[in-house]
């Protein structure tokens, strides 16, 4: 699961990016943002508390990402690389 940081200055919220549709219940247990918006041009992402109407960098409309967006992040084919902070597997030792 790729993890992004919110692009809003001063926000410490991590964003869980899931390739499967719907929310990631494990990420929610860790208080990670699961509902976010991203700029289709710049690639910046914002948590639900900070998503703008338009990207401050290019004024494109911030959009709810599709599964293809998450897959591009997971495979390293996404232009917003500076906001990707980790790729982690969350689970228990028994379920890993």
Protein backbone atom coordinates (compact mmCIF):
# COMPACT_ATOMS: atom_id res chain seq x y z
CA UNK A 1 0.00 0.00 0.00
CA UNK A 2 1.60 3.27 -1.03
CA UNK A 3 1.47 6.04 1.55
CA UNK A 4 1.39 9.71 0.57
CA UNK A 5 1.72 12.79 2.71
CA UNK A 6 -0.86 15.54 2.53
CA UNK A 7 0.53 18.39 0.45
CA UNK A 8 -0.98 21.03 2.76
CA UNK A 9 1.82 22.83 4.61
CA UNK A 10 1.96 21.71 8.24
CA UNK A 11 -0.40 18.74 7.82
CA UNK A 12 0.99 15.55 9.35
CA UNK A 13 -1.74 13.25 7.99
CA UNK A 14 -0.68 10.21 5.99
CA UNK A 15 -2.80 9.14 3.03
CA UNK A 16 -3.40 5.45 2.34
CA UNK A 17 -3.62 4.71 -1.37
CA UNK A 18 -5.50 1.52 -2.18
CA UNK A 19 -5.74 -0.15 -5.57
CA UNK A 20 -8.95 -1.88 -4.55
CA UNK A 21 -12.17 0.15 -4.60
CA UNK A 22 -13.51 1.36 -1.29
CA UNK A 23 -11.88 2.26 1.96
CA UNK A 24 -8.97 0.44 3.52
CA UNK A 25 -10.20 -0.62 7.00
CA UNK A 26 -6.68 -1.42 8.23
CA UNK A 27 -5.43 2.06 7.29
CA UNK A 28 -8.44 3.58 9.06
CA UNK A 29 -7.42 1.71 12.23
CA UNK A 30 -4.09 3.57 12.02
CA UNK A 31 -5.94 6.91 11.55
CA UNK A 32 -4.65 7.30 8.02
CA UNK A 33 -6.63 9.31 5.48
CA UNK A 34 -8.44 7.02 3.02
CA UNK A 35 -10.53 9.66 1.22
CA UNK A 36 -8.28 12.11 -0.61
CA UNK A 37 -8.01 14.29 -3.71
CA UNK A 38 -5.09 14.64 -6.11
CA UNK A 39 -4.08 17.04 -8.86
CA UNK A 40 -4.08 15.23 -12.21
CA UNK A 41 -1.33 17.54 -13.54
CA UNK A 42 1.05 18.09 -10.60
CA UNK A 43 0.34 14.85 -8.76
CA UNK A 44 0.03 16.52 -5.35
CA UNK A 45 -2.44 14.92 -2.92
CA UNK A 46 -4.49 16.34 -0.04
CA UNK A 47 -6.26 14.65 2.86
CA UNK A 48 -10.02 15.13 3.32
CA UNK A 49 -9.45 18.08 5.67
CA UNK A 50 -7.36 20.07 3.17
CA UNK A 51 -8.31 19.30 -0.42
CA UNK A 52 -8.62 22.48 -2.45
CA UNK A 53 -11.11 23.29 -5.20
CA UNK A 54 -8.16 23.87 -7.50
CA UNK A 55 -4.48 22.96 -7.26
CA UNK A 56 -2.47 25.90 -5.88
CA UNK A 57 0.33 25.06 -8.32
CA UNK A 58 -1.55 24.83 -11.61
CA UNK A 59 -5.22 25.54 -10.77
CA UNK A 60 -6.39 22.15 -12.14
CA UNK A 61 -9.38 20.70 -10.33
CA UNK A 62 -8.41 18.34 -7.48
CA UNK A 63 -10.02 14.97 -8.22
CA UNK A 64 -10.93 11.79 -6.40
CA UNK A 65 -8.38 9.32 -7.76
CA UNK A 66 -9.41 6.19 -9.63
CA UNK A 67 -7.90 2.74 -9.07
CA UNK A 68 -5.56 3.42 -12.02
CA UNK A 69 -4.08 6.34 -10.06
CA UNK A 70 -3.31 4.08 -7.09
CA UNK A 71 -1.84 1.44 -9.38
CA UNK A 72 0.41 4.04 -11.04
CA UNK A 73 1.68 5.09 -7.60
CA UNK A 74 2.24 1.50 -6.49
CA UNK A 75 4.24 0.69 -9.63
CA UNK A 76 6.30 3.90 -9.63
CA UNK A 77 4.63 5.42 -12.73
CA UNK A 78 3.21 8.53 -11.10
CA UNK A 79 4.48 12.09 -11.48
CA UNK A 80 3.86 13.22 -7.89
CA UNK A 81 6.72 11.22 -6.44
CA UNK A 82 7.83 13.74 -3.86
CA UNK A 83 4.65 13.15 -1.84
CA UNK A 84 5.12 9.34 -1.75
CA UNK A 85 6.64 8.63 1.65
CA UNK A 86 6.42 4.83 1.90
CA UNK A 87 4.98 1.65 0.57
CA UNK A 88 3.93 -0.59 3.41
CA UNK A 89 2.07 -3.80 4.14
CA UNK A 90 -0.20 -3.50 7.14
CA UNK A 91 -1.32 -6.67 8.86
CA UNK A 92 -0.60 -9.06 11.66
CA UNK A 93 2.29 -11.48 11.84
CA UNK A 94 -0.18 -14.32 11.40
CA UNK A 95 -1.93 -12.72 8.43
CA UNK A 96 1.14 -11.39 6.64
